[in-house]
């Protein structure tokens, strides 16, 4: 019985010593605050940073090229609408679809340029004179879309063109004006 008691006391002493030792060691599991993206990039090896920069440059170049393609598509749609109006003097269902597509393309271009609605209405827009007929309105739409395309061609992926944003706003307003004339 004495041996059992001595073994029990030894066991309790061993557990107590272990817990004291565990409390005395420093805790290396303290979570560090997460690094922001810039610090994470700085900690990457040089070749990884260069690869990220190259990917970013390629992505920006591709986005700029896509924006130019959208501008060319918008100009084609505006020309198609003008040709259709010259032939029929009114819009068909496919022409209304093209008008919707044109508005969506130009809205996307404006968003890519970093612009938004400037808050002007058609009456307040200095570039837009209220046309007397549908043909004149579509002709103005075609010219405004071509002006937008020319401004887009002047831009680089590093620049923001206020003129292109204003042109896109004008095209969107005219497209909405034509949609209301249905």
C-alpha atoms as a PDB file:
ATOM      1  CA  UNK A   1       0.000   0.000   0.000  1.00  0.00           C
ATOM      2  CA  UNK A   2       2.889   2.314   0.790  1.00  0.00           C
ATOM      3  CA  UNK A   3       4.351   1.640  -2.643  1.00  0.00           C
ATOM      4  CA  UNK A   4       1.019   2.418  -4.325  1.00  0.00           C
ATOM      5  CA  UNK A   5       0.776   5.665  -2.360  1.00  0.00           C
ATOM      6  CA  UNK A   6       4.340   6.621  -3.305  1.00  0.00           C
ATOM      7  CA  UNK A   7       3.655   5.801  -6.981  1.00  0.00           C
ATOM      8  CA  UNK A   8       0.469   7.903  -6.888  1.00  0.00           C
ATOM      9  CA  UNK A   9       2.271  10.893  -5.322  1.00  0.00           C
ATOM     10  CA  UNK A  10       5.083  10.506  -7.858  1.00  0.00           C
ATOM     11  CA  UNK A  11       2.546  10.468 -10.712  1.00  0.00           C
ATOM     12  CA  UNK A  12       0.788  13.608  -9.385  1.00  0.00           C
ATOM     13  CA  UNK A  13       4.157  15.356  -9.038  1.00  0.00           C
ATOM     14  CA  UNK A  14       5.068  14.388 -12.596  1.00  0.00           C
ATOM     15  CA  UNK A  15       1.794  15.795 -13.986  1.00  0.00           C
ATOM     16  CA  UNK A  16       2.211  19.017 -11.965  1.00  0.00           C
ATOM     17  CA  UNK A  17       5.804  19.450 -13.170  1.00  0.00           C
ATOM     18  CA  UNK A  18       4.707  18.881 -16.783  1.00  0.00           C
ATOM     19  CA  UNK A  19       1.972  21.494 -16.570  1.00  0.00           C
ATOM     20  CA  UNK A  20       4.381  24.010 -15.003  1.00  0.00           C
ATOM     21  CA  UNK A  21       6.879  23.338 -17.776  1.00  0.00           C
ATOM     22  CA  UNK A  22       4.177  23.806 -20.440  1.00  0.00           C
ATOM     23  CA  UNK A  23       3.182  27.168 -18.967  1.00  0.00           C
ATOM     24  CA  UNK A  24       6.782  28.355 -18.808  1.00  0.00           C
ATOM     25  CA  UNK A  25       7.501  27.816 -22.548  1.00  0.00           C
ATOM     26  CA  UNK A  26       6.727  30.748 -24.850  1.00  0.00           C
ATOM     27  CA  UNK A  27       3.709  30.357 -27.116  1.00  0.00           C
ATOM     28  CA  UNK A  28       4.861  30.469 -30.734  1.00  0.00           C
ATOM     29  CA  UNK A  29       1.347  29.915 -32.014  1.00  0.00           C
ATOM     30  CA  UNK A  30       0.272  33.532 -31.526  1.00  0.00           C
ATOM     31  CA  UNK A  31      -1.379  34.516 -34.793  1.00  0.00           C
ATOM     32  CA  UNK A  32       0.353  37.330 -36.636  1.00  0.00           C
ATOM     33  CA  UNK A  33      -1.787  39.927 -38.353  1.00  0.00           C
ATOM     34  CA  UNK A  34      -2.356  39.093 -42.013  1.00  0.00           C
ATOM     35  CA  UNK A  35      -0.137  40.881 -44.479  1.00  0.00           C
ATOM     36  CA  UNK A  36      -1.759  43.237 -46.926  1.00  0.00           C
ATOM     37  CA  UNK A  37      -1.391  42.512 -50.618  1.00  0.00           C
ATOM     38  CA  UNK A  38       1.559  44.857 -51.115  1.00  0.00           C
ATOM     39  CA  UNK A  39       3.541  43.199 -48.306  1.00  0.00           C
ATOM     40  CA  UNK A  40       2.707  39.764 -49.686  1.00  0.00           C
ATOM     41  CA  UNK A  41       3.980  40.775 -53.118  1.00  0.00           C
ATOM     42  CA  UNK A  42       7.163  42.234 -51.619  1.00  0.00           C
ATOM     43  CA  UNK A  43       7.882  38.928 -49.876  1.00  0.00           C
ATOM     44  CA  UNK A  44       7.645  36.972 -53.120  1.00  0.00           C
ATOM     45  CA  UNK A  45      10.864  36.057 -54.902  1.00  0.00           C
ATOM     46  CA  UNK A  46      11.942  38.464 -57.644  1.00  0.00           C
ATOM     47  CA  UNK A  47      11.000  36.146 -60.514  1.00  0.00           C
ATOM     48  CA  UNK A  48       7.493  35.726 -59.065  1.00  0.00           C
ATOM     49  CA  UNK A  49       7.075  39.514 -58.774  1.00  0.00           C
ATOM     50  CA  UNK A  50       8.206  39.945 -62.372  1.00  0.00           C
ATOM     51  CA  UNK A  51       5.778  37.263 -63.512  1.00  0.00           C
ATOM     52  CA  UNK A  52       2.904  38.996 -61.666  1.00  0.00           C
ATOM     53  CA  UNK A  53       3.808  42.329 -63.268  1.00  0.00           C
ATOM     54  CA  UNK A  54       3.934  40.728 -66.705  1.00  0.00           C
ATOM     55  CA  UNK A  55       0.538  39.084 -66.151  1.00  0.00           C
ATOM     56  CA  UNK A  56      -0.950  42.386 -64.993  1.00  0.00           C
ATOM     57  CA  UNK A  57       0.476  44.192 -68.025  1.00  0.00           C
ATOM     58  CA  UNK A  58      -0.860  41.501 -70.382  1.00  0.00           C
ATOM     59  CA  UNK A  59      -4.291  41.599 -68.726  1.00  0.00           C
ATOM     60  CA  UNK A  60      -4.487  45.397 -69.048  1.00  0.00           C
ATOM     61  CA  UNK A  61      -3.398  45.219 -72.682  1.00  0.00           C
ATOM     62  CA  UNK A  62      -6.030  42.567 -73.414  1.00  0.00           C
ATOM     63  CA  UNK A  63      -8.751  44.625 -71.695  1.00  0.00           C
ATOM     64  CA  UNK A  64      -7.812  47.684 -73.759  1.00  0.00           C
ATOM     65  CA  UNK A  65      -7.921  45.661 -76.981  1.00  0.00           C
ATOM     66  CA  UNK A  66     -11.334  44.260 -75.996  1.00  0.00           C
ATOM     67  CA  UNK A  67     -12.589  47.790 -75.356  1.00  0.00           C
ATOM     68  CA  UNK A  68     -11.427  48.831 -78.832  1.00  0.00           C
ATOM     69  CA  UNK A  69     -13.207  45.810 -80.333  1.00  0.00           C
ATOM     70  CA  UNK A  70     -16.391  46.779 -78.479  1.00  0.00           C
ATOM     71  CA  UNK A  71     -16.045  50.283 -79.927  1.00  0.00           C
ATOM     72  CA  UNK A  72     -15.685  48.884 -83.440  1.00  0.00           C
ATOM     73  CA  UNK A  73     -18.696  46.627 -82.908  1.00  0.00           C
ATOM     74  CA  UNK A  74     -20.716  49.602 -81.635  1.00  0.00           C
ATOM     75  CA  UNK A  75     -19.769  51.620 -84.728  1.00  0.00           C
ATOM     76  CA  UNK A  76     -20.834  48.712 -86.967  1.00  0.00           C
ATOM     77  CA  UNK A  77     -24.167  48.437 -85.153  1.00  0.00           C
ATOM     78  CA  UNK A  78     -24.772  52.185 -85.527  1.00  0.00           C
ATOM     79  CA  UNK A  79     -23.985  51.963 -89.255  1.00  0.00           C
ATOM     80  CA  UNK A  80     -26.340  48.990 -89.616  1.00  0.00           C
ATOM     81  CA  UNK A  81     -29.087  50.937 -87.858  1.00  0.00           C
ATOM     82  CA  UNK A  82     -28.560  53.921 -90.140  1.00  0.00           C
ATOM     83  CA  UNK A  83     -28.694  51.734 -93.262  1.00  0.00           C
ATOM     84  CA  UNK A  84     -31.867  50.049 -91.986  1.00  0.00           C
ATOM     85  CA  UNK A  85     -33.544  53.404 -91.299  1.00  0.00           C
ATOM     86  CA  UNK A  86     -32.626  54.675 -94.766  1.00  0.00           C
ATOM     87  CA  UNK A  87     -34.271  51.624 -96.336  1.00  0.00           C
ATOM     88  CA  UNK A  88     -37.415  51.256 -94.212  1.00  0.00           C
ATOM     89  CA  UNK A  89     -37.936  54.564 -92.339  1.00  0.00           C
ATOM     90  CA  UNK A  90     -38.684  52.583 -89.151  1.00  0.00           C
ATOM     91  CA  UNK A  91     -37.065  50.006 -86.911  1.00  0.00           C
ATOM     92  CA  UNK A  92     -37.744  46.286 -87.140  1.00  0.00           C
ATOM     93  CA  UNK A  93     -37.488  43.893 -84.201  1.00  0.00           C
ATOM     94  CA  UNK A  94     -33.872  43.066 -85.113  1.00  0.00           C
ATOM     95  CA  UNK A  95     -33.085  46.783 -85.294  1.00  0.00           C
ATOM     96  CA  UNK A  96     -34.465  47.247 -81.776  1.00  0.00           C
ATOM     97  CA  UNK A  97     -32.235  44.376 -80.648  1.00  0.00           C
ATOM     98  CA  UNK A  98     -29.227  46.047 -82.295  1.00  0.00           C
ATOM     99  CA  UNK A  99     -30.104  49.291 -80.526  1.00  0.00           C
ATOM    100  CA  UNK A 100     -30.221  47.457 -77.185  1.00  0.00           C
ATOM    101  CA  UNK A 101     -26.880  45.777 -77.947  1.00  0.00           C
ATOM    102  CA  UNK A 102     -25.369  49.130 -78.917  1.00  0.00           C
ATOM    103  CA  UNK A 103     -26.478  50.683 -75.633  1.00  0.00           C
ATOM    104  CA  UNK A 104     -25.031  47.760 -73.644  1.00  0.00           C
ATOM    105  CA  UNK A 105     -21.701  47.901 -75.507  1.00  0.00           C
ATOM    106  CA  UNK A 106     -21.298  51.631 -75.005  1.00  0.00           C
ATOM    107  CA  UNK A 107     -22.302  51.345 -71.340  1.00  0.00           C
ATOM    108  CA  UNK A 108     -19.565  48.725 -70.912  1.00  0.00           C
ATOM    109  CA  UNK A 109     -17.061  50.974 -72.695  1.00  0.00           C
ATOM    110  CA  UNK A 110     -17.962  53.859 -70.386  1.00  0.00           C
ATOM    111  CA  UNK A 111     -17.520  51.596 -67.352  1.00  0.00           C
ATOM    112  CA  UNK A 112     -14.116  50.401 -68.639  1.00  0.00           C
ATOM    113  CA  UNK A 113     -13.051  54.017 -69.091  1.00  0.00           C
ATOM    114  CA  UNK A 114     -13.901  54.685 -65.462  1.00  0.00           C
ATOM    115  CA  UNK A 115     -16.821  56.964 -66.220  1.00  0.00           C
ATOM    116  CA  UNK A 116     -20.420  57.029 -65.172  1.00  0.00           C
ATOM    117  CA  UNK A 117     -23.604  58.836 -66.026  1.00  0.00           C
ATOM    118  CA  UNK A 118     -22.878  62.549 -65.936  1.00  0.00           C
ATOM    119  CA  UNK A 119     -26.431  63.296 -64.822  1.00  0.00           C
ATOM    120  CA  UNK A 120     -27.385  65.206 -67.951  1.00  0.00           C
ATOM    121  CA  UNK A 121     -30.643  64.638 -69.758  1.00  0.00           C
ATOM    122  CA  UNK A 122     -31.050  64.903 -73.511  1.00  0.00           C
ATOM    123  CA  UNK A 123     -32.338  68.455 -73.157  1.00  0.00           C
ATOM    124  CA  UNK A 124     -29.259  69.503 -71.150  1.00  0.00           C
ATOM    125  CA  UNK A 125     -26.733  67.802 -73.441  1.00  0.00           C
ATOM    126  CA  UNK A 126     -24.986  70.426 -75.573  1.00  0.00           C
ATOM    127  CA  UNK A 127     -23.875  67.847 -78.147  1.00  0.00           C
ATOM    128  CA  UNK A 128     -27.405  66.673 -78.893  1.00  0.00           C
ATOM    129  CA  UNK A 129     -29.879  68.680 -80.926  1.00  0.00           C
ATOM    130  CA  UNK A 130     -33.356  67.190 -80.872  1.00  0.00           C
ATOM    131  CA  UNK A 131     -33.848  65.737 -84.360  1.00  0.00           C
ATOM    132  CA  UNK A 132     -36.992  66.359 -86.354  1.00  0.00           C
ATOM    133  CA  UNK A 133     -37.242  62.777 -87.599  1.00  0.00           C
ATOM    134  CA  UNK A 134     -35.982  59.288 -86.916  1.00  0.00           C
ATOM    135  CA  UNK A 135     -33.444  59.341 -89.751  1.00  0.00           C
ATOM    136  CA  UNK A 136     -31.699  62.407 -88.318  1.00  0.00           C
ATOM    137  CA  UNK A 137     -31.615  60.835 -84.857  1.00  0.00           C
ATOM    138  CA  UNK A 138     -30.021  57.646 -86.184  1.00  0.00           C
ATOM    139  CA  UNK A 139     -27.569  59.694 -88.261  1.00  0.00           C
ATOM    140  CA  UNK A 140     -26.552  61.573 -85.103  1.00  0.00           C
ATOM    141  CA  UNK A 141     -26.215  58.221 -83.288  1.00  0.00           C
ATOM    142  CA  UNK A 142     -23.945  56.933 -86.050  1.00  0.00           C
ATOM    143  CA  UNK A 143     -21.773  60.072 -85.985  1.00  0.00           C
ATOM    144  CA  UNK A 144     -21.547  60.079 -82.187  1.00  0.00           C
ATOM    145  CA  UNK A 145     -20.575  56.400 -82.165  1.00  0.00           C
ATOM    146  CA  UNK A 146     -17.891  57.025 -84.795  1.00  0.00           C
ATOM    147  CA  UNK A 147     -16.596  59.951 -82.712  1.00  0.00           C
ATOM    148  CA  UNK A 148     -16.465  57.634 -79.700  1.00  0.00           C
ATOM    149  CA  UNK A 149     -14.501  55.048 -81.696  1.00  0.00           C
ATOM    150  CA  UNK A 150     -12.013  57.693 -82.836  1.00  0.00           C
ATOM    151  CA  UNK A 151     -11.515  58.832 -79.235  1.00  0.00           C
ATOM    152  CA  UNK A 152     -11.020  55.226 -78.110  1.00  0.00           C
ATOM    153  CA  UNK A 153      -8.342  54.743 -80.751  1.00  0.00           C
ATOM    154  CA  UNK A 154      -6.487  57.774 -79.374  1.00  0.00           C
ATOM    155  CA  UNK A 155      -6.384  56.347 -75.852  1.00  0.00           C
ATOM    156  CA  UNK A 156      -3.826  53.998 -74.405  1.00  0.00           C
ATOM    157  CA  UNK A 157      -4.326  51.529 -71.611  1.00  0.00           C
ATOM    158  CA  UNK A 158      -2.643  54.052 -69.308  1.00  0.00           C
ATOM    159  CA  UNK A 159      -4.929  56.984 -70.080  1.00  0.00           C
ATOM    160  CA  UNK A 160      -8.460  58.006 -69.247  1.00  0.00           C
ATOM    161  CA  UNK A 161     -10.217  60.077 -71.880  1.00  0.00           C
ATOM    162  CA  UNK A 162     -12.838  62.485 -70.588  1.00  0.00           C
ATOM    163  CA  UNK A 163     -13.885  63.146 -74.184  1.00  0.00           C
ATOM    164  CA  UNK A 164     -14.493  59.429 -74.754  1.00  0.00           C
ATOM    165  CA  UNK A 165     -16.564  59.228 -71.563  1.00  0.00           C
ATOM    166  CA  UNK A 166     -18.614  62.244 -72.655  1.00  0.00           C
ATOM    167  CA  UNK A 167     -19.065  60.725 -76.130  1.00  0.00           C
ATOM    168  CA  UNK A 168     -20.204  57.445 -74.612  1.00  0.00           C
ATOM    169  CA  UNK A 169     -22.736  59.297 -72.452  1.00  0.00           C
ATOM    170  CA  UNK A 170     -24.082  61.052 -75.555  1.00  0.00           C
ATOM    171  CA  UNK A 171     -24.397  57.765 -77.464  1.00  0.00           C
ATOM    172  CA  UNK A 172     -26.206  56.143 -74.532  1.00  0.00           C
ATOM    173  CA  UNK A 173     -28.638  59.075 -74.241  1.00  0.00           C
ATOM    174  CA  UNK A 174     -29.407  59.015 -77.975  1.00  0.00           C
ATOM    175  CA  UNK A 175     -29.901  55.238 -77.910  1.00  0.00           C
ATOM    176  CA  UNK A 176     -32.324  55.602 -75.001  1.00  0.00           C
ATOM    177  CA  UNK A 177     -34.091  58.427 -76.846  1.00  0.00           C
ATOM    178  CA  UNK A 178     -34.544  56.153 -79.863  1.00  0.00           C
ATOM    179  CA  UNK A 179     -35.765  53.306 -77.662  1.00  0.00           C
ATOM    180  CA  UNK A 180     -38.429  55.602 -76.213  1.00  0.00           C
ATOM    181  CA  UNK A 181     -39.630  56.526 -79.710  1.00  0.00           C
ATOM    182  CA  UNK A 182     -40.806  52.972 -80.339  1.00  0.00           C
END
